[in-house]
C-alpha atoms as a PDB file:
ATOM      1  CA  MET A   1      -0.808   5.822   8.958  1.00  0.00           C
ATOM      2  CA  SER A   2       1.751   4.861  11.578  1.00  0.00           C
ATOM      3  CA  GLN A   3       2.804   1.314  12.290  1.00  0.00           C
ATOM      4  CA  ARG A   4       1.354   1.560  15.787  1.00  0.00           C
ATOM      5  CA  THR A   5      -2.042   2.635  14.444  1.00  0.00           C
ATOM      6  CA  GLU A   6      -2.012  -0.289  12.006  1.00  0.00           C
ATOM      7  CA  ARG A   7      -1.261  -2.736  14.844  1.00  0.00           C
ATOM      8  CA  VAL A   8      -4.028  -1.240  16.987  1.00  0.00           C
ATOM      9  CA  ASP A   9      -6.477  -1.452  14.055  1.00  0.00           C
ATOM     10  CA  GLU A  10      -5.703  -5.135  13.497  1.00  0.00           C
ATOM     11  CA  LEU A  11      -5.899  -5.931  17.215  1.00  0.00           C
ATOM     12  CA  LEU A  12      -9.267  -4.164  17.507  1.00  0.00           C
ATOM     13  CA  ARG A  13     -10.591  -5.991  14.423  1.00  0.00           C
ATOM     14  CA  GLN A  14      -9.696  -9.375  15.912  1.00  0.00           C
ATOM     15  CA  GLU A  15     -11.019  -8.634  19.393  1.00  0.00           C
ATOM     16  CA  ILE A  16     -14.284  -7.063  18.195  1.00  0.00           C
ATOM     17  CA  GLY A  17     -14.871 -10.089  15.965  1.00  0.00           C
ATOM     18  CA  THR A  18     -14.236 -12.447  18.877  1.00  0.00           C
ATOM     19  CA  ILE A  19     -16.556 -10.571  21.220  1.00  0.00           C
ATOM     20  CA  LEU A  20     -19.364 -10.333  18.659  1.00  0.00           C
ATOM     21  CA  GLY A  21     -18.995 -13.982  17.676  1.00  0.00           C
ATOM     22  CA  ARG A  22     -18.892 -15.462  21.176  1.00  0.00           C
ATOM     23  CA  GLU A  23     -20.434 -13.038  23.638  1.00  0.00           C
ATOM     24  CA  ALA A  24     -23.014 -10.903  21.861  1.00  0.00           C
ATOM     25  CA  LYS A  25     -26.492 -12.344  22.385  1.00  0.00           C
ATOM     26  CA  ASP A  26     -28.532 -10.130  20.066  1.00  0.00           C
ATOM     27  CA  PRO A  27     -30.259 -12.316  17.422  1.00  0.00           C
ATOM     28  CA  ARG A  28     -30.299  -9.411  14.938  1.00  0.00           C
ATOM     29  CA  ILE A  29     -26.524  -9.719  14.708  1.00  0.00           C
ATOM     30  CA  GLY A  30     -26.504 -12.621  12.304  1.00  0.00           C
ATOM     31  CA  PHE A  31     -23.666 -13.437   9.954  1.00  0.00           C
ATOM     32  CA  VAL A  32     -21.417 -10.434  10.531  1.00  0.00           C
ATOM     33  CA  THR A  33     -17.761 -10.188   9.614  1.00  0.00           C
ATOM     34  CA  ILE A  34     -15.546  -7.346  10.785  1.00  0.00           C
ATOM     35  CA  THR A  35     -13.593  -6.530   7.617  1.00  0.00           C
ATOM     36  CA  GLU A  36     -11.555  -3.564   8.801  1.00  0.00           C
ATOM     37  CA  VAL A  37     -11.096  -1.090  11.631  1.00  0.00           C
ATOM     38  CA  GLU A  38      -9.755   2.420  10.995  1.00  0.00           C
ATOM     39  CA  THR A  39      -8.790   4.471  14.031  1.00  0.00           C
ATOM     40  CA  THR A  40      -8.049   8.167  14.107  1.00  0.00           C
ATOM     41  CA  PRO A  41      -4.447   9.112  15.012  1.00  0.00           C
ATOM     42  CA  ASP A  42      -5.508  10.192  18.518  1.00  0.00           C
ATOM     43  CA  LEU A  43      -7.361   6.842  19.053  1.00  0.00           C
ATOM     44  CA  ARG A  44     -10.559   8.596  20.127  1.00  0.00           C
ATOM     45  CA  HIS A  45     -12.717   7.288  17.266  1.00  0.00           C
ATOM     46  CA  ALA A  46     -12.696   4.232  15.046  1.00  0.00           C
ATOM     47  CA  ARG A  47     -14.717   3.155  12.027  1.00  0.00           C
ATOM     48  CA  VAL A  48     -15.661  -0.486  12.157  1.00  0.00           C
ATOM     49  CA  TRP A  49     -16.333  -1.802   8.646  1.00  0.00           C
ATOM     50  CA  VAL A  50     -18.652  -4.818   8.662  1.00  0.00           C
ATOM     51  CA  SER A  51     -19.935  -7.193   6.031  1.00  0.00           C
ATOM     52  CA  VAL A  52     -23.400  -8.598   6.694  1.00  0.00           C
ATOM     53  CA  ILE A  53     -24.995 -11.525   4.887  1.00  0.00           C
ATOM     54  CA  GLY A  54     -28.746 -11.216   4.389  1.00  0.00           C
ATOM     55  CA  THR A  55     -31.492  -9.191   2.803  1.00  0.00           C
ATOM     56  CA  PRO A  56     -31.306  -5.383   2.854  1.00  0.00           C
ATOM     57  CA  ALA A  57     -33.800  -5.289   5.750  1.00  0.00           C
ATOM     58  CA  GLU A  58     -31.718  -7.803   7.709  1.00  0.00           C
ATOM     59  CA  ARG A  59     -28.583  -5.767   7.000  1.00  0.00           C
ATOM     60  CA  ASP A  60     -30.206  -2.579   8.272  1.00  0.00           C
ATOM     61  CA  ALA A  61     -31.392  -4.335  11.435  1.00  0.00           C
ATOM     62  CA  ALA A  62     -27.935  -5.830  11.966  1.00  0.00           C
ATOM     63  CA  LEU A  63     -26.258  -2.414  11.597  1.00  0.00           C
ATOM     64  CA  ILE A  64     -28.576  -0.900  14.198  1.00  0.00           C
ATOM     65  CA  ALA A  65     -27.964  -3.831  16.552  1.00  0.00           C
ATOM     66  CA  LEU A  66     -24.203  -3.582  15.995  1.00  0.00           C
ATOM     67  CA  GLN A  67     -24.158   0.115  16.793  1.00  0.00           C
ATOM     68  CA  HIS A  68     -25.993  -0.613  20.066  1.00  0.00           C
ATOM     69  CA  ALA A  69     -23.640  -3.526  20.793  1.00  0.00           C
ATOM     70  CA  MET A  70     -20.566  -1.321  20.455  1.00  0.00           C
ATOM     71  CA  HIS A  71     -21.114   0.033  24.008  1.00  0.00           C
ATOM     72  CA  PHE A  72     -20.908  -3.551  25.284  1.00  0.00           C
ATOM     73  CA  VAL A  73     -17.849  -4.218  23.101  1.00  0.00           C
ATOM     74  CA  ARG A  74     -16.047  -1.144  24.469  1.00  0.00           C
ATOM     75  CA  ARG A  75     -16.728  -2.255  28.022  1.00  0.00           C
ATOM     76  CA  GLU A  76     -15.391  -5.753  27.249  1.00  0.00           C
ATOM     77  CA  LEU A  77     -12.284  -4.446  25.494  1.00  0.00           C
ATOM     78  CA  GLY A  78     -11.180  -2.342  28.480  1.00  0.00           C
ATOM     79  CA  PRO A  79      -9.727  -5.186  30.575  1.00  0.00           C
ATOM     80  CA  ARG A  80      -8.496  -7.167  27.530  1.00  0.00           C
ATOM     81  CA  LEU A  81      -6.339  -4.519  25.876  1.00  0.00           C
ATOM     82  CA  ARG A  82      -3.534  -2.417  27.224  1.00  0.00           C
ATOM     83  CA  LEU A  83      -4.709   0.838  25.716  1.00  0.00           C
ATOM     84  CA  ARG A  84      -5.019   4.125  27.534  1.00  0.00           C
ATOM     85  CA  ARG A  85      -8.266   4.841  25.741  1.00  0.00           C
ATOM     86  CA  ILE A  86     -10.715   2.539  23.950  1.00  0.00           C
ATOM     87  CA  PRO A  87     -12.026   4.434  20.913  1.00  0.00           C
ATOM     88  CA  GLU A  88     -15.647   5.307  20.245  1.00  0.00           C
ATOM     89  CA  PHE A  89     -16.819   2.908  17.519  1.00  0.00           C
ATOM     90  CA  HIS A  90     -18.822   3.906  14.446  1.00  0.00           C
ATOM     91  CA  VAL A  91     -20.225   1.019  12.405  1.00  0.00           C
ATOM     92  CA  GLN A  92     -20.134   1.265   8.588  1.00  0.00           C
ATOM     93  CA  LEU A  93     -21.432  -1.257   6.068  1.00  0.00           C
ATOM     94  CA  ASP A  94     -18.701  -2.699   3.836  1.00  0.00           C
ATOM     95  CA  ASP A  95     -20.380  -3.796   0.617  1.00  0.00           C
ATOM     96  CA  SER A  96     -17.168  -4.268  -1.366  1.00  0.00           C
ATOM     97  CA  ILE A  97     -17.509  -8.066  -1.365  1.00  0.00           C
ATOM     98  CA  GLU A  98     -21.050  -7.826  -2.699  1.00  0.00           C
ATOM     99  CA  ARG A  99     -20.046  -5.299  -5.369  1.00  0.00           C
ATOM    100  CA  GLY A 100     -17.056  -7.414  -6.399  1.00  0.00           C
ATOM    101  CA  SER A 101     -19.137 -10.563  -6.786  1.00  0.00           C
ATOM    102  CA  ARG A 102     -21.718  -8.625  -8.813  1.00  0.00           C
ATOM    103  CA  VAL A 103     -19.016  -7.332 -11.167  1.00  0.00           C
ATOM    104  CA  LEU A 104     -17.674 -10.870 -11.641  1.00  0.00           C
ATOM    105  CA  ARG A 105     -21.186 -12.178 -12.372  1.00  0.00           C
ATOM    106  CA  LEU A 106     -21.788  -9.384 -14.915  1.00  0.00           C
ATOM    107  CA  LEU A 107     -18.468 -10.132 -16.611  1.00  0.00           C
ATOM    108  CA  ARG A 108     -19.316 -13.862 -16.841  1.00  0.00           C
ATOM    109  CA  GLU A 109     -22.674 -13.024 -18.426  1.00  0.00           C
ATOM    110  CA  LEU A 110     -21.066 -10.643 -20.933  1.00  0.00           C
ATOM    111  CA  GLU A 111     -18.408 -13.219 -21.840  1.00  0.00           C
ATOM    112  CA  GLY A 112     -21.200 -15.741 -22.436  1.00  0.00           C
ATOM    113  CA  GLY A 113     -22.776 -13.366 -24.959  1.00  0.00           C
ATOM    114  CA  ARG A 114     -25.747 -12.413 -22.818  1.00  0.00           C
ATOM    115  CA  VAL A 115     -26.760  -8.909 -21.838  1.00  0.00           C
ATOM    116  CA  PRO A 116     -27.248  -8.840 -18.050  1.00  0.00           C
ATOM    117  CA  ASP A 117     -30.857  -8.306 -16.988  1.00  0.00           C
ATOM    118  CA  ASP A 118     -30.236  -6.294 -13.828  1.00  0.00           C
ATOM    119  CA  VAL A 119     -28.085  -3.537 -15.330  1.00  0.00           C
ATOM    120  CA  ASP A 120     -29.726  -0.270 -14.404  1.00  0.00           C
ATOM    121  CA  ALA A 121     -30.095   2.280 -17.182  1.00  0.00           C
ATOM    122  CA  LEU A 122     -28.776   4.965 -14.830  1.00  0.00           C
ATOM    123  CA  GLU A 123     -25.684   2.907 -14.106  1.00  0.00           C
ATOM    124  CA  SER A 124     -23.325   4.217 -16.726  1.00  0.00           C
ATOM    125  CA  LEU A 125     -20.125   6.161 -16.707  1.00  0.00           C
ATOM    126  CA  PRO A 126     -20.530   9.901 -16.287  1.00  0.00           C
ATOM    127  CA  THR A 127     -20.556  11.971 -19.436  1.00  0.00           C
ATOM    128  CA  PRO A 128     -17.391  14.055 -19.655  1.00  0.00           C
ATOM    129  CA  VAL A 129     -18.017  17.773 -19.301  1.00  0.00           C
ATOM    130  CA  ARG A 130     -15.532  20.446 -20.314  1.00  0.00           C
ATOM    131  CA  ARG A 131     -14.019  21.981 -17.194  1.00  0.00           C
ATOM    132  CA  LEU A 132     -14.414  25.742 -16.814  1.00  0.00           C
ATOM    133  CA  HIS A 133     -11.288  27.851 -16.548  1.00  0.00           C
ATOM    134  CA  ARG A 134     -10.724  29.180 -13.035  1.00  0.00           C
ATOM    135  CA  GLU A 135      -8.388  31.806 -11.666  1.00  0.00           C
ATOM    136  CA  GLY A 136      -4.959  30.323 -11.002  1.00  0.00           C
ATOM    137  CA  ASP A 137      -5.267  27.625 -13.687  1.00  0.00           C
ATOM    138  CA  ALA A 138      -2.547  27.314 -16.276  1.00  0.00           C
ATOM    139  CA  GLU A 139      -3.467  28.750 -19.625  1.00  0.00           C
ATOM    140  CA  GLU A 140      -4.692  26.137 -22.082  1.00  0.00           C
ATOM    141  CA  PRO A 141      -3.211  26.265 -25.583  1.00  0.00           C
ATOM    142  CA  GLU A 142      -5.675  27.390 -28.190  1.00  0.00           C
ATOM    143  CA  GLU A 143      -6.986  24.663 -30.419  1.00  0.00           C
ATOM    144  CA  PRO A 144      -6.115  25.232 -34.088  1.00  0.00           C
ATOM    145  CA  ARG A 145      -9.085  26.184 -36.181  1.00  0.00           C
ATOM    146  CA  ALA A 146      -9.829  24.127 -39.240  1.00  0.00           C
ATOM    147  CA  GLU A 147      -9.683  26.124 -42.449  1.00  0.00           C
ATOM    148  CA  PRO A 148     -12.595  25.703 -44.831  1.00  0.00           C
ATOM    149  CA  PRO A 149     -11.762  23.521 -47.833  1.00  0.00           C
ATOM    150  CA  GLY A 150     -10.291  25.422 -50.776  1.00  0.00           C
ATOM    151  CA  THR A 151      -8.813  28.279 -48.699  1.00  0.00           C
ATOM    152  CA  GLN A 152      -5.104  28.830 -48.679  1.00  0.00           C
ATOM    153  CA  ARG A 153      -3.203  30.389 -45.835  1.00  0.00           C
ATOM    154  CA  PRO A 154      -0.895  33.214 -46.821  1.00  0.00           C
ATOM    155  CA  SER A 155       2.773  32.430 -46.344  1.00  0.00           C
ATOM    156  CA  GLY A 156       4.367  33.849 -43.214  1.00  0.00           C
ATOM    157  CA  ALA A 157       1.119  34.054 -41.288  1.00  0.00           C
ATOM    158  CA  GLY A 158       1.278  32.974 -37.678  1.00  0.00           C
ATOM    159  CA  SER A 159      -0.761  30.140 -36.274  1.00  0.00           C
ATOM    160  CA  SER A 160      -2.897  32.121 -33.867  1.00  0.00           C
ATOM    161  CA  PRO A 161      -6.240  33.553 -34.948  1.00  0.00           C
ATOM    162  CA  ALA A 162      -5.056  37.068 -34.034  1.00  0.00           C
ATOM    163  CA  SER A 163      -2.030  36.880 -36.320  1.00  0.00           C
ATOM    164  CA  ARG A 164      -4.123  35.466 -39.173  1.00  0.00           C
ATOM    165  CA  SER A 165      -6.690  38.274 -38.945  1.00  0.00           C
ATOM    166  CA  SER A 166      -4.031  41.007 -38.728  1.00  0.00           C
ATOM    167  CA  HIS A 167      -2.177  39.544 -41.708  1.00  0.00           C
ATOM    168  CA  ARG A 168      -5.365  39.558 -43.728  1.00  0.00           C
ATOM    169  CA  ALA A 169      -5.910  43.193 -42.832  1.00  0.00           C
ATOM    170  CA  GLY A 170      -2.363  44.062 -43.909  1.00  0.00           C
ATOM    171  CA  ARG A 171      -1.123  44.802 -40.396  1.00  0.00           C
ATOM    172  CA  GLN A 172       1.702  43.217 -38.483  1.00  0.00           C
ATOM    173  CA  PRO A 173       0.710  40.925 -35.616  1.00  0.00           C
ATOM    174  CA  ARG A 174       0.838  42.473 -32.202  1.00  0.00           C
ATOM    175  CA  GLY A 175       4.228  42.103 -30.517  1.00  0.00           C
ATOM    176  CA  SER A 176       6.226  41.725 -33.752  1.00  0.00           C
ATOM    177  CA  ARG A 177       8.275  44.401 -35.451  1.00  0.00           C
ATOM    178  CA  PRO A 178       8.723  44.905 -39.140  1.00  0.00           C
ATOM    179  CA  SER A 179      12.240  44.166 -40.311  1.00  0.00           C
ATOM    180  CA  ARG A 180      14.222  47.214 -41.300  1.00  0.00           C
ATOM    181  CA  GLY A 181      16.419  46.949 -44.285  1.00  0.00           C
ATOM    182  CA  ARG A 182      19.919  48.372 -43.833  1.00  0.00           C
END
């Protein structure tokens, strides 16, 4: 991200917050904080990340009202900013503050020796799954096989399964030559 884009993002965040706080009259826009603005490099579009305090229904209503209010905000920003183009705004809910406070609360409960009540059973780390080999991947080294207890490996046998089976059969492993005595 260029330095100019960062300055424009910060300027837009401040101005949008000012307009929504002082000039927007929609009662559905309650306690809203503009947390971040991310513009595209061509300044045609911008994501406006907002944090909304309230119930989930109030948050949904506030997001809808904010998206409608963005037309008003664009019109107000035109004379205030010296930009060739005011971007098209897309409102996104920023729930990072809520998630962070929930994590802190869960950690406090675990430190206190209690098991949190609201931990969802589906909310666990994903189970690791062995990745399938795809064309273009580097070859993975073969894992050594464990020998059954009581078996001894013949001396001079290679470590790969192919060399072990050919040694057992009395043949030389593929790719190796017998030594010739001179």
